[in-house]
Amino acid sequence: GVPVLFVVPWVVLRYLYENEGCWERNEKAAVWWVIRCPILAAVAVNFVVFVRIVRILVAKVRAHQVARGDTRLRLARSTLTLIPLLGVHEVVFALAGEGEGGGGLRLAR
């Protein structure tokens, strides 16, 4: 239910100040940041969780109990699985513009 605390004010602000028929445009930055700040906070928390999990995985690979030759492959596979699962790719594109324009980072997103 926590997202309702951010979505309802965003909808009201969009309706009052930026109701131009298409909610894909973000012409007024203040209205856009009402919904974008909680998204960025969630992405930051997920990134911290990702870094901690990778640190644990690296510690397990370096442990003396692990004597297999495929440990680096297992570490890479588990890390690559976590990237889309925790939305780490969103950290790269977090501040890329979603409005009009053709910047390289926006196009890649």
C-alpha atoms as a PDB file:
ATOM      1  CA  GLY A   1       0.000   0.000   0.000  1.00  0.00           C
ATOM      2  CA  VAL A   2       3.000   2.345   0.333  1.00  0.00           C
ATOM      3  CA  PRO A   3       3.106   3.216  -3.401  1.00  0.00           C
ATOM      4  CA  VAL A   4      -0.365   4.743  -3.044  1.00  0.00           C
ATOM      5  CA  LEU A   5       1.223   7.474  -0.885  1.00  0.00           C
ATOM      6  CA  PHE A   6       3.206   8.607  -3.945  1.00  0.00           C
ATOM      7  CA  VAL A   7       0.934   7.678  -6.837  1.00  0.00           C
ATOM      8  CA  VAL A   8      -2.175   9.523  -5.608  1.00  0.00           C
ATOM      9  CA  PRO A   9      -0.430  12.921  -5.184  1.00  0.00           C
ATOM     10  CA  TRP A  10       1.291  12.406  -8.541  1.00  0.00           C
ATOM     11  CA  VAL A  11      -2.026  11.686 -10.271  1.00  0.00           C
ATOM     12  CA  VAL A  12      -3.628  14.759  -8.675  1.00  0.00           C
ATOM     13  CA  LEU A  13      -0.710  16.993  -9.700  1.00  0.00           C
ATOM     14  CA  ARG A  14      -0.724  15.586 -13.236  1.00  0.00           C
ATOM     15  CA  TYR A  15      -4.452  16.144 -13.499  1.00  0.00           C
ATOM     16  CA  LEU A  16      -4.285  19.716 -12.198  1.00  0.00           C
ATOM     17  CA  TYR A  17      -1.082  21.009 -13.803  1.00  0.00           C
ATOM     18  CA  GLU A  18      -0.149  18.797 -16.714  1.00  0.00           C
ATOM     19  CA  ASN A  19      -3.316  17.225 -18.060  1.00  0.00           C
ATOM     20  CA  GLU A  20      -2.618  17.646 -21.748  1.00  0.00           C
ATOM     21  CA  GLY A  21      -4.021  14.370 -23.034  1.00  0.00           C
ATOM     22  CA  CYS A  22      -0.751  12.455 -22.959  1.00  0.00           C
ATOM     23  CA  TRP A  23       0.843  11.476 -19.683  1.00  0.00           C
ATOM     24  CA  GLU A  24       3.974  10.231 -21.429  1.00  0.00           C
ATOM     25  CA  ARG A  25       5.313  13.784 -21.675  1.00  0.00           C
ATOM     26  CA  ASN A  26       7.086  15.293 -18.690  1.00  0.00           C
ATOM     27  CA  GLU A  27       7.150  19.011 -19.365  1.00  0.00           C
ATOM     28  CA  LYS A  28       7.112  20.201 -15.739  1.00  0.00           C
ATOM     29  CA  ALA A  29      10.022  18.769 -13.789  1.00  0.00           C
ATOM     30  CA  ALA A  30       8.477  19.265 -10.331  1.00  0.00           C
ATOM     31  CA  VAL A  31       5.526  17.028 -11.155  1.00  0.00           C
ATOM     32  CA  TRP A  32       7.864  14.434 -12.640  1.00  0.00           C
ATOM     33  CA  TRP A  33      10.060  14.293  -9.532  1.00  0.00           C
ATOM     34  CA  VAL A  34       7.068  13.508  -7.278  1.00  0.00           C
ATOM     35  CA  ILE A  35       6.944  10.024  -8.776  1.00  0.00           C
ATOM     36  CA  ARG A  36      10.606   9.711  -9.775  1.00  0.00           C
ATOM     37  CA  CYS A  37      12.113  10.223  -6.282  1.00  0.00           C
ATOM     38  CA  PRO A  38      10.504   7.107  -4.745  1.00  0.00           C
ATOM     39  CA  ILE A  39      11.535   5.113  -7.815  1.00  0.00           C
ATOM     40  CA  LEU A  40      15.141   6.263  -7.445  1.00  0.00           C
ATOM     41  CA  ALA A  41      15.066   5.423  -3.725  1.00  0.00           C
ATOM     42  CA  ALA A  42      13.886   1.882  -4.498  1.00  0.00           C
ATOM     43  CA  VAL A  43      16.585   1.497  -7.152  1.00  0.00           C
ATOM     44  CA  ALA A  44      19.222   2.663  -4.658  1.00  0.00           C
ATOM     45  CA  VAL A  45      18.072   0.150  -2.046  1.00  0.00           C
ATOM     46  CA  ASN A  46      18.126  -2.637  -4.635  1.00  0.00           C
ATOM     47  CA  PHE A  47      21.636  -1.631  -5.678  1.00  0.00           C
ATOM     48  CA  VAL A  48      22.874  -1.784  -2.080  1.00  0.00           C
ATOM     49  CA  VAL A  49      21.326  -5.247  -1.707  1.00  0.00           C
ATOM     50  CA  PHE A  50      23.005  -6.310  -4.972  1.00  0.00           C
ATOM     51  CA  VAL A  51      26.430  -5.123  -3.807  1.00  0.00           C
ATOM     52  CA  ARG A  52      26.065  -6.946  -0.495  1.00  0.00           C
ATOM     53  CA  ILE A  53      25.028 -10.178  -2.212  1.00  0.00           C
ATOM     54  CA  VAL A  54      27.980  -9.957  -4.604  1.00  0.00           C
ATOM     55  CA  ARG A  55      30.316  -9.432  -1.648  1.00  0.00           C
ATOM     56  CA  ILE A  56      28.947 -12.587  -0.018  1.00  0.00           C
ATOM     57  CA  LEU A  57      29.348 -14.528  -3.270  1.00  0.00           C
ATOM     58  CA  VAL A  58      32.943 -13.365  -3.664  1.00  0.00           C
ATOM     59  CA  ALA A  59      33.703 -14.365  -0.083  1.00  0.00           C
ATOM     60  CA  LYS A  60      32.297 -17.842  -0.738  1.00  0.00           C
ATOM     61  CA  VAL A  61      34.371 -18.216  -3.889  1.00  0.00           C
ATOM     62  CA  ARG A  62      37.526 -17.230  -2.031  1.00  0.00           C
ATOM     63  CA  ALA A  63      36.782 -19.611   0.859  1.00  0.00           C
ATOM     64  CA  HIS A  64      39.107 -22.569   1.235  1.00  0.00           C
ATOM     65  CA  GLN A  65      36.221 -25.019   1.168  1.00  0.00           C
ATOM     66  CA  VAL A  66      35.562 -24.281  -2.504  1.00  0.00           C
ATOM     67  CA  ALA A  67      38.119 -26.182  -4.549  1.00  0.00           C
ATOM     68  CA  ARG A  68      36.394 -26.387  -7.936  1.00  0.00           C
ATOM     69  CA  GLY A  69      37.802 -24.838 -11.085  1.00  0.00           C
ATOM     70  CA  ASP A  70      34.471 -23.385 -12.206  1.00  0.00           C
ATOM     71  CA  THR A  71      34.030 -21.035  -9.255  1.00  0.00           C
ATOM     72  CA  ARG A  72      34.556 -17.901 -11.326  1.00  0.00           C
ATOM     73  CA  LEU A  73      32.029 -19.108 -13.863  1.00  0.00           C
ATOM     74  CA  ARG A  74      29.535 -19.769 -11.064  1.00  0.00           C
ATOM     75  CA  LEU A  75      30.171 -16.303  -9.614  1.00  0.00           C
ATOM     76  CA  ALA A  76      29.683 -14.669 -13.005  1.00  0.00           C
ATOM     77  CA  ARG A  77      26.506 -16.652 -13.672  1.00  0.00           C
ATOM     78  CA  SER A  78      24.970 -15.810 -10.309  1.00  0.00           C
ATOM     79  CA  THR A  79      25.920 -12.128 -10.658  1.00  0.00           C
ATOM     80  CA  LEU A  80      24.449 -11.932 -14.149  1.00  0.00           C
ATOM     81  CA  THR A  81      21.258 -13.501 -12.798  1.00  0.00           C
ATOM     82  CA  LEU A  82      21.005 -10.889 -10.044  1.00  0.00           C
ATOM     83  CA  ILE A  83      21.425  -7.885 -12.359  1.00  0.00           C
ATOM     84  CA  PRO A  84      17.956  -8.044 -13.973  1.00  0.00           C
ATOM     85  CA  LEU A  85      16.374  -9.543 -10.858  1.00  0.00           C
ATOM     86  CA  LEU A  86      17.272  -6.563  -8.677  1.00  0.00           C
ATOM     87  CA  GLY A  87      17.061  -3.953 -11.435  1.00  0.00           C
ATOM     88  CA  VAL A  88      20.726  -2.988 -11.273  1.00  0.00           C
ATOM     89  CA  HIS A  89      20.571  -1.948 -14.918  1.00  0.00           C
ATOM     90  CA  GLU A  90      18.209   0.829 -13.800  1.00  0.00           C
ATOM     91  CA  VAL A  91      21.110   2.465 -11.898  1.00  0.00           C
ATOM     92  CA  VAL A  92      22.771   3.201 -15.235  1.00  0.00           C
ATOM     93  CA  PHE A  93      19.617   4.731 -16.696  1.00  0.00           C
ATOM     94  CA  ALA A  94      18.215   6.263 -13.489  1.00  0.00           C
ATOM     95  CA  LEU A  95      18.689   9.874 -14.456  1.00  0.00           C
ATOM     96  CA  ALA A  96      18.270   9.487 -18.218  1.00  0.00           C
ATOM     97  CA  GLY A  97      15.542  11.746 -19.475  1.00  0.00           C
ATOM     98  CA  GLU A  98      12.152  10.264 -20.206  1.00  0.00           C
ATOM     99  CA  GLY A  99      10.821  13.291 -22.033  1.00  0.00           C
ATOM    100  CA  GLU A 100      11.343  14.423 -25.568  1.00  0.00           C
ATOM    101  CA  GLY A 101      14.837  14.487 -27.012  1.00  0.00           C
ATOM    102  CA  GLY A 102      17.297  12.116 -28.538  1.00  0.00           C
ATOM    103  CA  GLY A 103      20.221  11.815 -26.167  1.00  0.00           C
ATOM    104  CA  GLY A 104      22.356   8.706 -26.530  1.00  0.00           C
ATOM    105  CA  LEU A 105      21.602   7.428 -23.021  1.00  0.00           C
ATOM    106  CA  ARG A 106      17.874   7.952 -23.494  1.00  0.00           C
ATOM    107  CA  LEU A 107      17.958   6.119 -26.815  1.00  0.00           C
ATOM    108  CA  ALA A 108      19.860   3.217 -25.247  1.00  0.00           C
ATOM    109  CA  ARG A 109      17.259   2.994 -22.509  1.00  0.00           C
END
